[in-house]
Amino acid sequence: MTSVRHRIILHAYVTEKSMDEMERQNKLEFVVDRRANRAEIRRAVESTYQCKVQKITVKIVRSGKIATVRFTKDFSAEDIGGRAGVF
């Protein structure tokens, strides 16, 4: 199970816009496997970071697939970002 989660979430995607969304809207962005769907991404994020996901949006770009994950108000994106290696 652990190896499957790590194959879905490749790494955090850090830009100025994603840092602003982390502070203002409680969101983080991750580069994920192109074949993963929203349900698989949700399960991988919740089990890896022990949190609850409110909403996931996905965009496909030239370099891969980027998932924007909004967390519930009980969990801070800044704390989870620290665990994900954003800082």
Protein backbone atom coordinates (compact mmCIF):
# COMPACT_ATOMS: atom_id res chain seq x y z
CA MET A 1 0.00 0.00 0.00
CA THR A 2 2.79 2.43 0.83
CA SER A 3 4.46 2.03 -2.54
CA VAL A 4 1.14 2.67 -4.33
CA ARG A 5 0.64 5.96 -2.45
CA HIS A 6 4.13 7.13 -3.34
CA ARG A 7 3.57 6.29 -6.99
CA ILE A 8 0.42 8.45 -7.08
CA ILE A 9 1.86 11.56 -5.37
CA LEU A 10 5.16 12.33 -7.04
CA HIS A 11 6.08 15.62 -5.30
CA ALA A 12 4.75 18.99 -4.20
CA TYR A 13 4.39 21.66 -6.90
CA VAL A 14 5.69 24.99 -5.61
CA THR A 15 5.14 28.31 -7.39
CA GLU A 16 4.35 31.81 -6.19
CA LYS A 17 0.69 31.22 -6.94
CA SER A 18 0.62 27.92 -5.05
CA MET A 19 2.30 29.55 -2.03
CA ASP A 20 -0.35 32.30 -2.07
CA GLU A 21 -3.15 29.71 -2.29
CA MET A 22 -1.60 27.81 0.60
CA GLU A 23 -1.80 30.88 2.84
CA ARG A 24 -5.13 32.33 1.69
CA GLN A 25 -7.24 29.35 0.59
CA ASN A 26 -5.79 26.37 2.52
CA LYS A 27 -4.67 24.61 -0.71
CA LEU A 28 -1.60 22.67 -1.82
CA GLU A 29 -0.58 21.52 -5.28
CA PHE A 30 1.00 18.16 -6.06
CA VAL A 31 2.39 16.64 -9.23
CA VAL A 32 0.63 13.27 -9.49
CA ASP A 33 0.71 10.23 -11.74
CA ARG A 34 -1.09 10.91 -15.02
CA ARG A 35 -3.19 7.74 -14.67
CA ALA A 36 -4.49 8.58 -11.16
CA ASN A 37 -8.08 9.74 -10.75
CA ARG A 38 -9.48 12.08 -8.08
CA ALA A 39 -10.56 9.29 -5.72
CA GLU A 40 -7.11 7.71 -5.78
CA ILE A 41 -5.44 11.09 -5.22
CA ARG A 42 -7.79 11.79 -2.29
CA ARG A 43 -7.00 8.44 -0.64
CA ALA A 44 -3.26 8.90 -1.17
CA VAL A 45 -3.18 12.43 0.30
CA GLU A 46 -5.41 11.56 3.27
CA SER A 47 -3.45 8.44 4.18
CA THR A 48 0.00 9.94 3.61
CA TYR A 49 -0.57 13.18 5.55
CA GLN A 50 -3.34 12.07 7.99
CA CYS A 51 -5.74 14.82 6.99
CA LYS A 52 -9.17 15.37 5.42
CA VAL A 53 -9.51 16.67 1.87
CA GLN A 54 -12.42 18.98 1.03
CA LYS A 55 -11.99 19.25 -2.74
CA ILE A 56 -9.60 18.23 -5.50
CA THR A 57 -9.19 19.89 -8.88
CA VAL A 58 -6.93 18.44 -11.55
CA LYS A 59 -5.22 20.04 -14.50
CA ILE A 60 -3.11 18.38 -17.15
CA VAL A 61 -0.10 20.34 -18.33
CA ARG A 62 2.76 19.50 -20.65
CA SER A 63 4.96 18.25 -17.81
CA GLY A 64 2.27 16.03 -16.25
CA LYS A 65 -0.82 16.17 -14.07
CA ILE A 66 -1.17 18.68 -11.23
CA ALA A 67 -3.73 18.19 -8.45
CA THR A 68 -4.82 21.17 -6.38
CA VAL A 69 -5.99 19.89 -3.00
CA ARG A 70 -8.13 21.97 -0.65
CA PHE A 71 -8.10 20.79 2.96
CA THR A 72 -10.90 21.08 5.51
CA LYS A 73 -10.72 23.88 8.06
CA ASP A 74 -9.50 21.42 10.72
CA PHE A 75 -6.17 21.01 8.91
CA SER A 76 -3.66 23.67 7.92
CA ALA A 77 -2.11 23.54 4.44
CA GLU A 78 1.02 25.18 5.86
CA ASP A 79 1.53 22.34 8.36
CA ILE A 80 0.93 19.70 5.70
CA GLY A 81 3.18 21.60 3.30
CA GLY A 82 5.95 21.44 5.88
CA ARG A 83 5.58 17.66 6.03
CA ALA A 84 5.43 17.47 2.21
CA GLY A 85 8.73 19.32 1.84
CA VAL A 86 7.42 22.63 0.49
CA PHE A 87 9.57 24.70 2.85
